[in-house]
């Protein structure tokens, strides 16, 4: 039997999967996009109601919407913190699983090894990306008028 065949039969495709729990693996992949989606939906709904109550644009929010800017600020901060927390957790996961290649010596693409490491790398990218997107919205909150 070829050495590659032995590696495929003896090793699990994700040999270090027990080093990272399923919640720690999935949080960085799903939490930042969900926080971004909630951020967009709530921002749009709340801003629309406060600035366009009857379908015509207002220059300032309705009198009962003094809390609008504070709510938008809190939502932006929650989104940024969720993205950064996801990226940091994914970075930790990557540190725990980054040695998966060392034991086999075979390229990961050929044997499908390293699923936990793959998800950890994507978690870092997703966390940073969605934090940056929310940060741009955060800057807009300070620079642009509410309505």
Protein backbone atom coordinates (compact mmCIF):
# COMPACT_ATOMS: atom_id res chain seq x y z
CA UNK A 1 0.00 0.00 0.00
CA UNK A 2 1.23 3.49 -0.86
CA UNK A 3 2.18 5.80 2.02
CA UNK A 4 -0.60 8.21 1.03
CA UNK A 5 -3.16 5.42 1.31
CA UNK A 6 -1.91 4.56 4.80
CA UNK A 7 -2.25 8.18 5.89
CA UNK A 8 -5.84 8.33 4.55
CA UNK A 9 -6.86 5.14 6.34
CA UNK A 10 -5.21 5.75 9.70
CA UNK A 11 -5.86 9.43 10.38
CA UNK A 12 -9.12 11.27 10.84
CA UNK A 13 -9.56 14.21 8.41
CA UNK A 14 -9.51 16.58 11.39
CA UNK A 15 -7.07 14.99 13.85
CA UNK A 16 -7.08 17.95 16.27
CA UNK A 17 -10.86 18.37 16.34
CA UNK A 18 -11.02 17.56 20.06
CA UNK A 19 -8.87 20.59 20.87
CA UNK A 20 -11.66 22.99 19.90
CA UNK A 21 -15.29 22.67 20.98
CA UNK A 22 -18.09 22.93 18.46
CA UNK A 23 -19.41 26.21 19.93
CA UNK A 24 -15.94 27.75 19.88
CA UNK A 25 -15.58 26.63 16.27
CA UNK A 26 -18.95 27.85 15.01
CA UNK A 27 -19.29 31.13 16.97
CA UNK A 28 -16.62 32.98 14.93
CA UNK A 29 -18.18 31.81 11.66
CA UNK A 30 -21.82 32.62 12.41
CA UNK A 31 -21.99 35.30 15.15
CA UNK A 32 -20.40 38.25 13.27
CA UNK A 33 -22.65 37.87 10.19
CA UNK A 34 -25.72 37.44 12.40
CA UNK A 35 -24.77 40.53 14.43
CA UNK A 36 -24.27 42.48 11.18
CA UNK A 37 -27.66 41.34 9.86
CA UNK A 38 -29.42 42.26 13.10
CA UNK A 39 -27.58 45.58 13.07
CA UNK A 40 -28.81 46.38 9.55
CA UNK A 41 -32.37 45.29 10.19
CA UNK A 42 -32.79 47.15 13.47
CA UNK A 43 -30.99 50.28 12.23
CA UNK A 44 -33.19 50.44 9.14
CA UNK A 45 -36.42 49.78 11.00
CA UNK A 46 -35.77 52.22 13.83
CA UNK A 47 -34.30 54.98 11.65
CA UNK A 48 -37.09 54.67 9.10
CA UNK A 49 -39.78 55.00 11.73
CA UNK A 50 -38.09 57.97 13.39
CA UNK A 51 -37.12 59.86 10.21
CA UNK A 52 -39.95 58.88 7.83
CA UNK A 53 -42.99 58.36 10.08
CA UNK A 54 -45.57 59.11 7.38
CA UNK A 55 -43.46 58.45 4.28
CA UNK A 56 -42.03 61.96 3.93
CA UNK A 57 -38.47 62.65 5.09
CA UNK A 58 -37.91 64.75 8.19
CA UNK A 59 -34.86 66.91 8.90
CA UNK A 60 -34.73 65.75 12.52
CA UNK A 61 -36.15 62.60 14.13
CA UNK A 62 -39.63 62.71 15.62
CA UNK A 63 -39.85 64.14 19.12
CA UNK A 64 -40.19 60.71 20.72
CA UNK A 65 -36.98 59.47 19.10
CA UNK A 66 -34.38 61.20 21.28
CA UNK A 67 -33.01 57.73 22.07
CA UNK A 68 -32.34 56.97 18.36
CA UNK A 69 -28.70 58.02 18.22
CA UNK A 70 -27.91 56.16 21.46
CA UNK A 71 -29.56 52.99 20.18
CA UNK A 72 -27.66 53.16 16.89
CA UNK A 73 -24.42 53.69 18.79
CA UNK A 74 -25.07 50.68 21.03
CA UNK A 75 -25.93 48.47 18.06
CA UNK A 76 -22.73 49.49 16.27
CA UNK A 77 -20.63 48.77 19.37
CA UNK A 78 -22.27 45.37 19.87
CA UNK A 79 -21.57 44.49 16.23
CA UNK A 80 -17.93 45.57 16.45
CA UNK A 81 -17.38 43.73 19.73
CA UNK A 82 -19.02 40.56 18.38
CA UNK A 83 -16.80 40.61 15.30
CA UNK A 84 -13.63 41.22 17.28
CA UNK A 85 -14.56 38.53 19.82
CA UNK A 86 -15.22 36.09 16.98
CA UNK A 87 -11.90 36.90 15.33
CA UNK A 88 -9.97 36.50 18.59
CA UNK A 89 -11.68 33.20 19.39
CA UNK A 90 -10.98 31.96 15.87
CA UNK A 91 -7.33 33.01 16.23
CA UNK A 92 -7.13 30.97 19.43
CA UNK A 93 -8.75 28.03 17.64
CA UNK A 94 -6.23 28.33 14.83
CA UNK A 95 -3.39 28.24 17.35
CA UNK A 96 -4.77 24.99 18.81
CA UNK A 97 -5.19 23.33 15.41
CA UNK A 98 -2.40 24.79 13.27
CA UNK A 99 -0.15 21.74 13.58
CA UNK A 100 -2.50 19.33 11.79
CA UNK A 101 -0.24 19.20 8.73
CA UNK A 102 2.94 18.46 10.67
CA UNK A 103 2.05 14.86 11.52
CA UNK A 104 1.10 13.72 8.00
CA UNK A 105 3.47 15.59 5.72
CA UNK A 106 0.89 15.27 2.93
CA UNK A 107 -0.69 18.44 1.46
CA UNK A 108 -4.03 19.10 3.09
CA UNK A 109 -5.87 19.57 -0.21
CA UNK A 110 -5.01 16.03 -1.29
CA UNK A 111 -6.39 14.24 1.77
CA UNK A 112 -9.06 16.69 3.00
CA UNK A 113 -7.38 17.17 6.34
CA UNK A 114 -7.65 20.19 8.61
CA UNK A 115 -11.35 21.02 8.81
CA UNK A 116 -11.05 22.63 12.23
CA UNK A 117 -8.12 24.72 11.06
CA UNK A 118 -10.02 25.73 7.93
CA UNK A 119 -13.01 26.93 9.98
CA UNK A 120 -10.66 28.75 12.34
CA UNK A 121 -9.00 30.62 9.46
CA UNK A 122 -12.37 31.59 8.03
CA UNK A 123 -13.53 32.69 11.48
CA UNK A 124 -10.64 35.14 11.67
CA UNK A 125 -11.45 36.56 8.23
CA UNK A 126 -15.18 36.76 8.91
CA UNK A 127 -14.68 38.44 12.29
CA UNK A 128 -12.30 41.04 10.91
CA UNK A 129 -14.44 41.68 7.83
CA UNK A 130 -17.70 42.21 9.66
CA UNK A 131 -15.99 44.32 12.35
CA UNK A 132 -14.57 46.55 9.62
CA UNK A 133 -17.96 46.86 7.93
CA UNK A 134 -19.62 47.82 11.20
CA UNK A 135 -16.79 50.23 11.96
CA UNK A 136 -17.50 52.07 8.69
CA UNK A 137 -21.14 52.38 9.74
CA UNK A 138 -19.97 53.56 13.17
CA UNK A 139 -17.96 56.37 11.57
CA UNK A 140 -20.99 57.35 9.52
CA UNK A 141 -23.02 57.66 12.69
CA UNK A 142 -20.66 60.39 13.92
CA UNK A 143 -20.23 62.18 10.58
CA UNK A 144 -23.66 62.07 8.93
CA UNK A 145 -26.93 63.47 10.21
CA UNK A 146 -29.40 60.95 11.66
CA UNK A 147 -32.12 61.84 9.13
